[in-house]
Amino acid sequence: MEAYFYIKATHIVFVISWMAGLFYLLSLFIYHTEANDKLEPEKSVLKAQFTKMESTLWKIICQPAMIISLLAGLSMLHLNPGLLQMDWMWVKLAFVFGLLIYHFVCGRIIIRLRNNQYNWSSFKLRLWRELATIFMIAIVFVVILKNTLDWIYGLVGIMGIALIIMLAVKLYKKYRENRGQ
């Protein structure tokens, strides 16, 4: 059972790394997109730099952290298969599946930005970035609360947090627009 706790610690460390990588990656996407509003040669220099940073972050942090997180998680399930008998674990796995889809969409965004084929605004990317926050909060609450009633209240709370985040992003957009005038 001692191995289980080492694997659990590894899982937590690499989930944190994965999430940090995704949060930073989305910030780079936003800056990359906003570089389109610059004049040449600044625009080309910034876009080339952001393309390099996105690719490096993806290859060195996001992908390895995601893989190690998944392998550690699967190892924990192998060592403690009773976890799969618990409702909260299936809810967590559903959110993890959503996070994996999110992760691979980010990989596609990197390719599209590199090829100048991406057309989401920085506002849409800010909203997209907050989706990772919602996944993270949902997973943490489900894992910590475990009790069905508690995680149902937690999920309702997450929806409230999601609304607050979206409102904050909209207010920030309005603030930036007013500041630019």
N, C-alpha and C. Protein backbone atom coordinates (compact mmCIF):
# COMPACT_ATOMS: atom_id res chain seq x y z
N MET A 1 0.82 -1.20 0.00
CA MET A 1 0.00 0.00 0.00
C MET A 1 0.86 1.26 0.00
N GLU A 2 2.09 1.14 0.46
CA GLU A 2 2.99 2.31 0.47
C GLU A 2 3.21 2.83 -0.94
N ALA A 3 3.32 1.94 -1.92
CA ALA A 3 3.51 2.35 -3.32
C ALA A 3 2.35 3.21 -3.79
N TYR A 4 1.16 2.89 -3.33
CA TYR A 4 -0.04 3.64 -3.71
C TYR A 4 0.13 5.12 -3.37
N PHE A 5 0.66 5.41 -2.19
CA PHE A 5 0.80 6.81 -1.77
C PHE A 5 1.88 7.55 -2.57
N TYR A 6 2.93 6.85 -2.98
CA TYR A 6 3.93 7.47 -3.84
C TYR A 6 3.32 7.78 -5.21
N ILE A 7 2.52 6.85 -5.70
CA ILE A 7 1.86 7.07 -6.99
C ILE A 7 0.85 8.21 -6.87
N LYS A 8 0.13 8.26 -5.76
CA LYS A 8 -0.84 9.34 -5.54
C LYS A 8 -0.15 10.70 -5.50
N ALA A 9 0.99 10.77 -4.80
CA ALA A 9 1.76 12.02 -4.73
C ALA A 9 2.24 12.42 -6.13
N THR A 10 2.70 11.44 -6.90
CA THR A 10 3.14 11.70 -8.28
C THR A 10 1.97 12.23 -9.11
N HIS A 11 0.82 11.60 -8.94
CA HIS A 11 -0.38 12.02 -9.65
C HIS A 11 -0.71 13.49 -9.35
N ILE A 12 -0.70 13.85 -8.09
CA ILE A 12 -1.02 15.22 -7.70
C ILE A 12 -0.01 16.21 -8.27
N VAL A 13 1.27 15.90 -8.17
CA VAL A 13 2.31 16.80 -8.68
C VAL A 13 2.15 17.03 -10.18
N PHE A 14 1.88 15.96 -10.93
CA PHE A 14 1.80 16.12 -12.38
C PHE A 14 0.47 16.69 -12.84
N VAL A 15 -0.59 16.51 -12.05
CA VAL A 15 -1.84 17.20 -12.37
C VAL A 15 -1.64 18.71 -12.20
N ILE A 16 -0.95 19.10 -11.14
CA ILE A 16 -0.66 20.53 -10.93
C ILE A 16 0.18 21.06 -12.10
N SER A 17 1.17 20.31 -12.52
CA SER A 17 2.02 20.72 -13.66
C SER A 17 1.20 20.83 -14.94
N TRP A 18 0.34 19.86 -15.15
CA TRP A 18 -0.51 19.85 -16.34
C TRP A 18 -1.40 21.08 -16.37
N MET A 19 -2.07 21.36 -15.25
CA MET A 19 -2.98 22.51 -15.19
C MET A 19 -2.20 23.82 -15.35
N ALA A 20 -1.05 23.93 -14.71
CA ALA A 20 -0.25 25.15 -14.85
C ALA A 20 0.14 25.35 -16.32
N GLY A 21 0.53 24.26 -16.97
CA GLY A 21 0.88 24.33 -18.39
C GLY A 21 -0.29 24.79 -19.24
N LEU A 22 -1.48 24.23 -18.98
CA LEU A 22 -2.65 24.63 -19.76
C LEU A 22 -3.01 26.10 -19.53
N PHE A 23 -2.95 26.54 -18.26
CA PHE A 23 -3.27 27.94 -17.98
C PHE A 23 -2.30 28.88 -18.70
N TYR A 24 -1.03 28.57 -18.65
CA TYR A 24 -0.04 29.42 -19.31
C TYR A 24 -0.19 29.35 -20.83
N LEU A 25 -0.47 28.16 -21.34
CA LEU A 25 -0.64 27.99 -22.77
C LEU A 25 -1.77 28.87 -23.31
N LEU A 26 -2.88 28.90 -22.57
CA LEU A 26 -4.00 29.73 -23.01
C LEU A 26 -3.65 31.21 -22.96
N SER A 27 -2.86 31.62 -21.98
CA SER A 27 -2.41 33.01 -21.95
C SER A 27 -1.57 33.32 -23.18
N LEU A 28 -0.72 32.38 -23.56
CA LEU A 28 0.09 32.57 -24.78
C LEU A 28 -0.81 32.66 -26.02
N PHE A 29 -1.86 31.84 -26.07
CA PHE A 29 -2.79 31.92 -27.21
C PHE A 29 -3.41 33.31 -27.29
N ILE A 30 -3.78 33.85 -26.14
CA ILE A 30 -4.40 35.18 -26.11
C ILE A 30 -3.41 36.23 -26.61
N TYR A 31 -2.18 36.20 -26.10
CA TYR A 31 -1.17 37.17 -26.54
C TYR A 31 -0.85 36.99 -28.02
N HIS A 32 -0.79 35.73 -28.46
CA HIS A 32 -0.51 35.42 -29.86
C HIS A 32 -1.60 36.04 -30.75
N THR A 33 -2.85 35.86 -30.35
CA THR A 33 -3.97 36.41 -31.11
C THR A 33 -3.93 37.94 -31.10
N GLU A 34 -3.62 38.52 -29.96
CA GLU A 34 -3.56 39.98 -29.88
C GLU A 34 -2.38 40.55 -30.65
N ALA A 35 -1.38 39.74 -30.93
CA ALA A 35 -0.24 40.21 -31.74
C ALA A 35 -0.68 40.55 -33.15
N ASN A 36 -1.79 39.98 -33.61
CA ASN A 36 -2.31 40.29 -34.94
C ASN A 36 -2.70 41.77 -35.07
N ASP A 37 -2.95 42.42 -33.96
CA ASP A 37 -3.33 43.83 -33.99
C ASP A 37 -2.12 44.77 -34.06
N LYS A 38 -0.93 44.22 -33.95
CA LYS A 38 0.30 45.03 -33.98
C LYS A 38 0.69 45.33 -35.43
N LEU A 39 1.55 46.33 -35.58
CA LEU A 39 2.09 46.66 -36.90
C LEU A 39 3.36 45.85 -37.14
N GLU A 40 3.71 45.68 -38.41
CA GLU A 40 4.97 45.01 -38.75
C GLU A 40 6.12 45.94 -38.42
N PRO A 41 7.27 45.47 -38.06
CA PRO A 41 7.70 44.06 -37.93
C PRO A 41 7.36 43.45 -36.57
N GLU A 42 6.80 44.28 -35.63
CA GLU A 42 6.49 43.77 -34.30
C GLU A 42 5.56 42.56 -34.36
N LYS A 43 4.56 42.63 -35.24
CA LYS A 43 3.59 41.54 -35.37
C LYS A 43 4.28 40.21 -35.70
N SER A 44 5.14 40.21 -36.69
CA SER A 44 5.82 38.98 -37.10
C SER A 44 6.75 38.45 -36.02
N VAL A 45 7.46 39.35 -35.37
CA VAL A 45 8.39 38.95 -34.30
C VAL A 45 7.62 38.31 -33.15
N LEU A 46 6.54 38.97 -32.72
CA LEU A 46 5.75 38.44 -31.61
C LEU A 46 5.12 37.09 -31.95
N LYS A 47 4.53 36.99 -33.15
CA LYS A 47 3.88 35.73 -33.53
C LYS A 47 4.89 34.59 -33.61
N ALA A 48 6.08 34.85 -34.11
CA ALA A 48 7.11 33.82 -34.17
C ALA A 48 7.53 33.39 -32.76
N GLN A 49 7.67 34.36 -31.87
CA GLN A 49 8.06 34.05 -30.49
C GLN A 49 6.97 33.26 -29.78
N PHE A 50 5.72 33.68 -29.93
CA PHE A 50 4.62 32.96 -29.28
C PHE A 50 4.48 31.55 -29.83
N THR A 51 4.67 31.39 -31.13
CA THR A 51 4.61 30.05 -31.74
C THR A 51 5.66 29.14 -31.12
N LYS A 52 6.87 29.65 -30.96
CA LYS A 52 7.95 28.86 -30.35
C LYS A 52 7.63 28.53 -28.89
N MET A 53 7.16 29.51 -28.14
CA MET A 53 6.85 29.30 -26.72
C MET A 53 5.72 28.28 -26.55
N GLU A 54 4.68 28.39 -27.38
CA GLU A 54 3.55 27.45 -27.31
C GLU A 54 4.00 26.03 -27.59
N SER A 55 4.79 25.88 -28.63
CA SER A 55 5.27 24.55 -29.00
C SER A 55 6.15 23.93 -27.91
N THR A 56 7.04 24.72 -27.37
CA THR A 56 7.94 24.24 -26.31
C THR A 56 7.15 23.87 -25.06
N LEU A 57 6.23 24.72 -24.65
CA LEU A 57 5.41 24.45 -23.47
C LEU A 57 4.60 23.17 -23.66
N TRP A 58 4.05 23.00 -24.85
CA TRP A 58 3.24 21.82 -25.15
C TRP A 58 4.08 20.54 -25.07
N LYS A 59 5.24 20.56 -25.71
CA LYS A 59 6.09 19.36 -25.78
C LYS A 59 6.78 19.03 -24.47
N ILE A 60 7.19 20.05 -23.70
CA ILE A 60 8.02 19.81 -22.52
C ILE A 60 7.22 19.75 -21.23
N ILE A 61 6.07 20.42 -21.17
CA ILE A 61 5.30 20.42 -19.92
C ILE A 61 3.91 19.79 -20.10
N CYS A 62 3.10 20.33 -20.98
CA CYS A 62 1.70 19.90 -21.06
C CYS A 62 1.56 18.42 -21.41
N GLN A 63 2.18 17.98 -22.49
CA GLN A 63 2.03 16.58 -22.91
C GLN A 63 2.62 15.61 -21.87
N PRO A 64 3.87 15.78 -21.44
CA PRO A 64 4.40 14.83 -20.45
C PRO A 64 3.61 14.84 -19.14
N ALA A 65 3.20 16.01 -18.66
CA ALA A 65 2.46 16.08 -17.41
C ALA A 65 1.11 15.37 -17.54
N MET A 66 0.45 15.55 -18.68
CA MET A 66 -0.83 14.87 -18.91
C MET A 66 -0.63 13.36 -18.92
N ILE A 67 0.39 12.89 -19.62
CA ILE A 67 0.64 11.44 -19.72
C ILE A 67 0.97 10.85 -18.35
N ILE A 68 1.84 11.50 -17.62
CA ILE A 68 2.22 10.98 -16.29
C ILE A 68 1.03 11.04 -15.33
N SER A 69 0.22 12.11 -15.42
CA SER A 69 -1.00 12.19 -14.58
C SER A 69 -1.91 11.01 -14.86
N LEU A 70 -2.13 10.72 -16.14
CA LEU A 70 -3.02 9.62 -16.51
C LEU A 70 -2.44 8.27 -16.08
N LEU A 71 -1.15 8.07 -16.32
CA LEU A 71 -0.54 6.80 -15.92
C LEU A 71 -0.59 6.60 -14.41
N ALA A 72 -0.33 7.65 -13.66
CA ALA A 72 -0.40 7.54 -12.20
C ALA A 72 -1.83 7.28 -11.76
N GLY A 73 -2.80 7.96 -12.37
CA GLY A 73 -4.20 7.75 -12.04
C GLY A 73 -4.64 6.32 -12.33
N LEU A 74 -4.26 5.83 -13.50
CA LEU A 74 -4.59 4.45 -13.85
C LEU A 74 -3.91 3.45 -12.91
N SER A 75 -2.69 3.76 -12.51
CA SER A 75 -1.97 2.90 -11.55
C SER A 75 -2.69 2.86 -10.21
N MET A 76 -3.20 4.00 -9.77
CA MET A 76 -3.95 4.03 -8.51
C MET A 76 -5.21 3.18 -8.62
N LEU A 77 -5.89 3.26 -9.77
CA LEU A 77 -7.09 2.45 -9.96
C LEU A 77 -6.75 0.96 -10.00
N HIS A 78 -5.60 0.65 -10.58
CA HIS A 78 -5.16 -0.75 -10.63
C HIS A 78 -4.85 -1.27 -9.22
N LEU A 79 -4.18 -0.45 -8.43
CA LEU A 79 -3.82 -0.87 -7.06
C LEU A 79 -5.02 -0.84 -6.11
N ASN A 80 -6.01 -0.02 -6.41
CA ASN A 80 -7.19 0.09 -5.56
C ASN A 80 -8.44 0.07 -6.43
N PRO A 81 -8.78 -1.08 -7.02
CA PRO A 81 -9.93 -1.15 -7.94
C PRO A 81 -11.27 -0.84 -7.26
N GLY A 82 -11.31 -0.87 -5.94
CA GLY A 82 -12.53 -0.52 -5.23
C GLY A 82 -12.97 0.91 -5.49
N LEU A 83 -12.03 1.76 -5.92
CA LEU A 83 -12.39 3.15 -6.24
C LEU A 83 -13.44 3.21 -7.35
N LEU A 84 -13.41 2.22 -8.24
CA LEU A 84 -14.37 2.22 -9.35
C LEU A 84 -15.78 1.84 -8.91
N GLN A 85 -15.93 1.43 -7.67
CA GLN A 85 -17.25 1.12 -7.12
C GLN A 85 -17.91 2.36 -6.53
N MET A 86 -17.19 3.46 -6.50
CA MET A 86 -17.68 4.69 -5.87
C MET A 86 -18.19 5.66 -6.93
N ASP A 87 -19.39 6.19 -6.69
CA ASP A 87 -20.02 7.11 -7.66
C ASP A 87 -19.14 8.33 -7.94
N TRP A 88 -18.53 8.88 -6.90
CA TRP A 88 -17.74 10.09 -7.08
C TRP A 88 -16.59 9.87 -8.06
N MET A 89 -16.03 8.65 -8.09
CA MET A 89 -14.92 8.37 -9.01
C MET A 89 -15.39 8.46 -10.46
N TRP A 90 -16.59 8.01 -10.74
CA TRP A 90 -17.11 8.08 -12.10
C TRP A 90 -17.39 9.53 -12.50
N VAL A 91 -17.82 10.33 -11.55
CA VAL A 91 -18.02 11.76 -11.83
C VAL A 91 -16.66 12.40 -12.12
N LYS A 92 -15.67 12.06 -11.30
CA LYS A 92 -14.31 12.59 -11.52
C LYS A 92 -13.80 12.18 -12.89
N LEU A 93 -13.95 10.90 -13.23
CA LEU A 93 -13.46 10.41 -14.52
C LEU A 93 -14.17 11.10 -15.69
N ALA A 94 -15.44 11.44 -15.52
CA ALA A 94 -16.15 12.18 -16.57
C ALA A 94 -15.53 13.56 -16.76
N PHE A 95 -15.22 14.24 -15.65
CA PHE A 95 -14.56 15.54 -15.76
C PHE A 95 -13.16 15.41 -16.34
N VAL A 96 -12.45 14.35 -15.98
CA VAL A 96 -11.11 14.12 -16.55
C VAL A 96 -11.22 13.90 -18.05
N PHE A 97 -12.22 13.16 -18.48
CA PHE A 97 -12.44 12.95 -19.91
C PHE A 97 -12.67 14.30 -20.61
N GLY A 98 -13.48 15.16 -19.98
CA GLY A 98 -13.69 16.50 -20.53
C GLY A 98 -12.40 17.29 -20.60
N LEU A 99 -11.57 17.16 -19.57
CA LEU A 99 -10.29 17.86 -19.55
C LEU A 99 -9.36 17.33 -20.64
N LEU A 100 -9.42 16.04 -20.91
CA LEU A 100 -8.62 15.47 -22.01
C LEU A 100 -9.05 16.03 -23.36
N ILE A 101 -10.35 16.13 -23.56
CA ILE A 101 -10.84 16.75 -24.81
C ILE A 101 -10.34 18.18 -24.90
N TYR A 102 -10.44 18.91 -23.82
CA TYR A 102 -9.95 20.29 -23.75
C TYR A 102 -8.46 20.34 -24.12
N HIS A 103 -7.68 19.44 -23.54
CA HIS A 103 -6.24 19.36 -23.77
C HIS A 103 -5.95 19.19 -25.27
N PHE A 104 -6.64 18.25 -25.91
CA PHE A 104 -6.35 17.98 -27.32
C PHE A 104 -6.87 19.08 -28.24
N VAL A 105 -7.93 19.77 -27.84
CA VAL A 105 -8.37 20.95 -28.60
C VAL A 105 -7.27 22.01 -28.54
N CYS A 106 -6.64 22.17 -27.37
CA CYS A 106 -5.52 23.12 -27.25
C CYS A 106 -4.38 22.74 -28.19
N GLY A 107 -4.12 21.45 -28.33
CA GLY A 107 -3.08 20.99 -29.27
C GLY A 107 -3.42 21.40 -30.70
N ARG A 108 -4.70 21.32 -31.04
CA ARG A 108 -5.12 21.74 -32.38
C ARG A 108 -5.01 23.25 -32.55
N ILE A 109 -5.27 23.99 -31.48
CA ILE A 109 -5.14 25.45 -31.54
C ILE A 109 -3.69 25.83 -31.84
N ILE A 110 -2.74 25.14 -31.22
CA ILE A 110 -1.32 25.41 -31.48
C ILE A 110 -1.02 25.29 -32.96
N ILE A 111 -1.49 24.21 -33.57
CA ILE A 111 -1.22 23.97 -35.00
C ILE A 111 -1.88 25.06 -35.85
N ARG A 112 -3.11 25.39 -35.52
CA ARG A 112 -3.82 26.40 -36.31
C ARG A 112 -3.18 27.78 -36.18
N LEU A 113 -2.76 28.14 -34.95
CA LEU A 113 -2.08 29.44 -34.78
C LEU A 113 -0.77 29.47 -35.55
N ARG A 114 -0.03 28.36 -35.51
CA ARG A 114 1.24 28.28 -36.24
C ARG A 114 1.02 28.48 -37.73
N ASN A 115 -0.12 27.99 -38.25
CA ASN A 115 -0.43 28.09 -39.68
C ASN A 115 -1.29 29.30 -40.04
N ASN A 116 -1.45 30.22 -39.09
CA ASN A 116 -2.26 31.43 -39.30
C ASN A 116 -3.68 31.10 -39.76
N GLN A 117 -4.23 30.02 -39.22
CA GLN A 117 -5.58 29.61 -39.61
C GLN A 117 -6.58 29.75 -38.47
N TYR A 118 -6.17 30.34 -37.39
CA TYR A 118 -7.02 30.39 -36.21
C TYR A 118 -7.71 31.72 -36.13
N ASN A 119 -9.02 31.70 -35.85
CA ASN A 119 -9.74 32.97 -35.89
C ASN A 119 -10.56 33.27 -34.63
N TRP A 120 -10.27 32.62 -33.52
CA TRP A 120 -10.97 32.98 -32.28
C TRP A 120 -10.41 34.31 -31.78
N SER A 121 -11.28 35.12 -31.24
CA SER A 121 -10.84 36.39 -30.67
C SER A 121 -10.17 36.13 -29.32
N SER A 122 -9.46 37.14 -28.84
CA SER A 122 -8.83 36.99 -27.53
C SER A 122 -9.91 36.85 -26.45
N PHE A 123 -11.08 37.44 -26.67
CA PHE A 123 -12.18 37.30 -25.71
C PHE A 123 -12.65 35.85 -25.64
N LYS A 124 -12.85 35.21 -26.78
CA LYS A 124 -13.27 33.80 -26.79
C LYS A 124 -12.19 32.92 -26.16
N LEU A 125 -10.93 33.25 -26.39
CA LEU A 125 -9.85 32.48 -25.78
C LEU A 125 -9.82 32.67 -24.26
N ARG A 126 -10.16 33.85 -23.80
CA ARG A 126 -10.24 34.07 -22.34
C ARG A 126 -11.34 33.21 -21.74
N LEU A 127 -12.47 33.13 -22.41
CA LEU A 127 -13.55 32.26 -21.93
C LEU A 127 -13.11 30.80 -21.97
N TRP A 128 -12.43 30.40 -23.03
CA TRP A 128 -11.93 29.04 -23.17
C TRP A 128 -10.94 28.71 -22.04
N ARG A 129 -10.10 29.67 -21.70
CA ARG A 129 -9.14 29.45 -20.61
C ARG A 129 -9.87 29.18 -19.30
N GLU A 130 -10.97 29.86 -19.08
CA GLU A 130 -11.70 29.67 -17.82
C GLU A 130 -12.37 28.32 -17.74
N LEU A 131 -12.59 27.67 -18.87
CA LEU A 131 -13.14 26.31 -18.84
C LEU A 131 -12.19 25.37 -18.12
N ALA A 132 -10.89 25.55 -18.30
CA ALA A 132 -9.91 24.72 -17.58
C ALA A 132 -10.04 24.95 -16.07
N THR A 133 -10.29 26.18 -15.68
CA THR A 133 -10.49 26.48 -14.26
C THR A 133 -11.71 25.73 -13.73
N ILE A 134 -12.77 25.71 -14.50
CA ILE A 134 -13.98 25.02 -14.08
C ILE A 134 -13.74 23.52 -13.95
N PHE A 135 -13.03 22.93 -14.92
CA PHE A 135 -12.68 21.50 -14.81
C PHE A 135 -11.88 21.24 -13.54
N MET A 136 -10.89 22.07 -13.30
CA MET A 136 -10.03 21.88 -12.12
C MET A 136 -10.85 21.96 -10.83
N ILE A 137 -11.67 22.98 -10.72
CA ILE A 137 -12.48 23.14 -9.51
C ILE A 137 -13.43 21.95 -9.34
N ALA A 138 -14.07 21.53 -10.41
CA ALA A 138 -15.01 20.42 -10.35
C ALA A 138 -14.31 19.15 -9.88
N ILE A 139 -13.15 18.85 -10.43
CA ILE A 139 -12.43 17.63 -10.07
C ILE A 139 -12.01 17.68 -8.60
N VAL A 140 -11.48 18.79 -8.17
CA VAL A 140 -11.04 18.90 -6.77
C VAL A 140 -12.22 18.74 -5.82
N PHE A 141 -13.32 19.40 -6.09
CA PHE A 141 -14.48 19.31 -5.20
C PHE A 141 -15.04 17.89 -5.15
N VAL A 142 -15.13 17.25 -6.30
CA VAL A 142 -15.66 15.88 -6.32
C VAL A 142 -14.75 14.95 -5.52
N VAL A 143 -13.43 15.07 -5.72
CA VAL A 143 -12.49 14.19 -5.02
C VAL A 143 -12.49 14.44 -3.52
N ILE A 144 -12.54 15.68 -3.11
CA ILE A 144 -12.48 16.00 -1.68
C ILE A 144 -13.81 15.69 -0.99
N LEU A 145 -14.93 16.06 -1.61
CA LEU A 145 -16.22 15.91 -0.96
C LEU A 145 -16.74 14.47 -0.98
N LYS A 146 -16.53 13.77 -2.06
CA LYS A 146 -16.91 12.36 -2.24
C LYS A 146 -18.38 12.05 -1.98
N ASN A 147 -18.96 12.51 -0.92
CA ASN A 147 -20.34 12.23 -0.60
C ASN A 147 -21.24 12.77 -1.71
N THR A 148 -22.19 11.95 -2.16
CA THR A 148 -23.04 12.33 -3.29
C THR A 148 -23.72 13.67 -3.09
N LEU A 149 -24.33 13.87 -1.95
CA LEU A 149 -25.02 15.13 -1.70
C LEU A 149 -24.05 16.30 -1.72
N ASP A 150 -22.87 16.10 -1.12
CA ASP A 150 -21.87 17.16 -1.10
C ASP A 150 -21.40 17.52 -2.50
N TRP A 151 -21.13 16.50 -3.35
CA TRP A 151 -20.62 16.88 -4.66
C TRP A 151 -21.71 17.42 -5.56
N ILE A 152 -22.97 17.08 -5.30
CA ILE A 152 -24.06 17.71 -6.06
C ILE A 152 -24.12 19.20 -5.71
N TYR A 153 -24.05 19.52 -4.40
CA TYR A 153 -23.99 20.93 -4.01
C TYR A 153 -22.74 21.59 -4.59
N GLY A 154 -21.66 20.86 -4.58
CA GLY A 154 -20.42 21.39 -5.14
C GLY A 154 -20.55 21.69 -6.62
N LEU A 155 -21.22 20.81 -7.38
CA LEU A 155 -21.40 21.04 -8.80
C LEU A 155 -22.29 22.25 -9.06
N VAL A 156 -23.33 22.41 -8.24
CA VAL A 156 -24.17 23.60 -8.36
C VAL A 156 -23.32 24.85 -8.07
N GLY A 157 -22.45 24.75 -7.06
CA GLY A 157 -21.54 25.85 -6.75
C GLY A 157 -20.59 26.14 -7.91
N ILE A 158 -20.13 25.10 -8.56
CA ILE A 158 -19.23 25.27 -9.71
C ILE A 158 -19.92 26.03 -10.83
N MET A 159 -21.18 25.72 -11.04
CA MET A 159 -21.92 26.44 -12.07
C MET A 159 -22.02 27.93 -11.71
N GLY A 160 -22.21 28.22 -10.42
CA GLY A 160 -22.22 29.60 -9.96
C GLY A 160 -20.87 30.26 -10.19
N ILE A 161 -19.80 29.53 -9.88
CA ILE A 161 -18.44 30.06 -10.10
C ILE A 161 -18.22 30.31 -11.59
N ALA A 162 -18.71 29.39 -12.42
CA ALA A 162 -18.55 29.56 -13.87
C ALA A 162 -19.23 30.84 -14.34
N LEU A 163 -20.42 31.10 -13.83
CA LEU A 163 -21.13 32.33 -14.20
C LEU A 163 -20.37 33.57 -13.74
N ILE A 164 -19.82 33.51 -12.54
CA ILE A 164 -19.05 34.64 -12.01
C ILE A 164 -17.80 34.87 -12.87
N ILE A 165 -17.12 33.78 -13.25
CA ILE A 165 -15.92 33.89 -14.08
C ILE A 165 -16.27 34.52 -15.43
N MET A 166 -17.36 34.04 -16.04
CA MET A 166 -17.74 34.60 -17.35
C MET A 166 -18.10 36.07 -17.23
N LEU A 167 -18.78 36.43 -16.16
CA LEU A 167 -19.10 37.84 -15.92
C LEU A 167 -17.82 38.65 -15.76
N ALA A 168 -16.86 38.12 -15.00
CA ALA A 168 -15.59 38.82 -14.79
C ALA A 168 -14.84 39.01 -16.12
N VAL A 169 -14.86 38.00 -16.98
CA VAL A 169 -14.19 38.11 -18.28
C VAL A 169 -14.87 39.19 -19.12
N LYS A 170 -16.20 39.22 -19.09
CA LYS A 170 -16.92 40.25 -19.85
C LYS A 170 -16.63 41.64 -19.31
N LEU A 171 -16.61 41.78 -17.99
CA LEU A 171 -16.29 43.08 -17.39
C LEU A 171 -14.87 43.51 -17.73
N TYR A 172 -13.93 42.56 -17.73
CA TYR A 172 -12.55 42.87 -18.09
C TYR A 172 -12.48 43.32 -19.55
N LYS A 173 -13.24 42.67 -20.42
CA LYS A 173 -13.26 43.07 -21.83
C LYS A 173 -13.77 44.50 -21.95
N LYS A 174 -14.84 44.80 -21.24
CA LYS A 174 -15.41 46.15 -21.29
C LYS A 174 -14.40 47.18 -20.76
N TYR A 175 -13.72 46.82 -19.66
CA TYR A 175 -12.69 47.70 -19.08
C TYR A 175 -11.59 47.97 -20.10
N ARG A 176 -11.11 46.91 -20.77
CA ARG A 176 -10.04 47.08 -21.77
C ARG A 176 -10.49 47.94 -22.93
N GLU A 177 -11.75 47.74 -23.36
CA GLU A 177 -12.27 48.56 -24.47
C GLU A 177 -12.37 50.02 -24.08
N ASN A 178 -12.84 50.28 -22.85
CA ASN A 178 -12.96 51.68 -22.39
C ASN A 178 -11.60 52.31 -22.19
N ARG A 179 -10.63 51.54 -21.73
CA ARG A 179 -9.27 52.05 -21.51
C ARG A 179 -8.61 52.39 -22.83
N GLY A 180 -8.96 51.67 -23.89
CA GLY A 180 -8.35 51.90 -25.21
C GLY A 180 -8.90 53.11 -25.92
N GLN A 181 -10.01 53.64 -25.45
CA GLN A 181 -10.64 54.79 -26.13
C GLN A 181 -10.02 56.08 -25.77
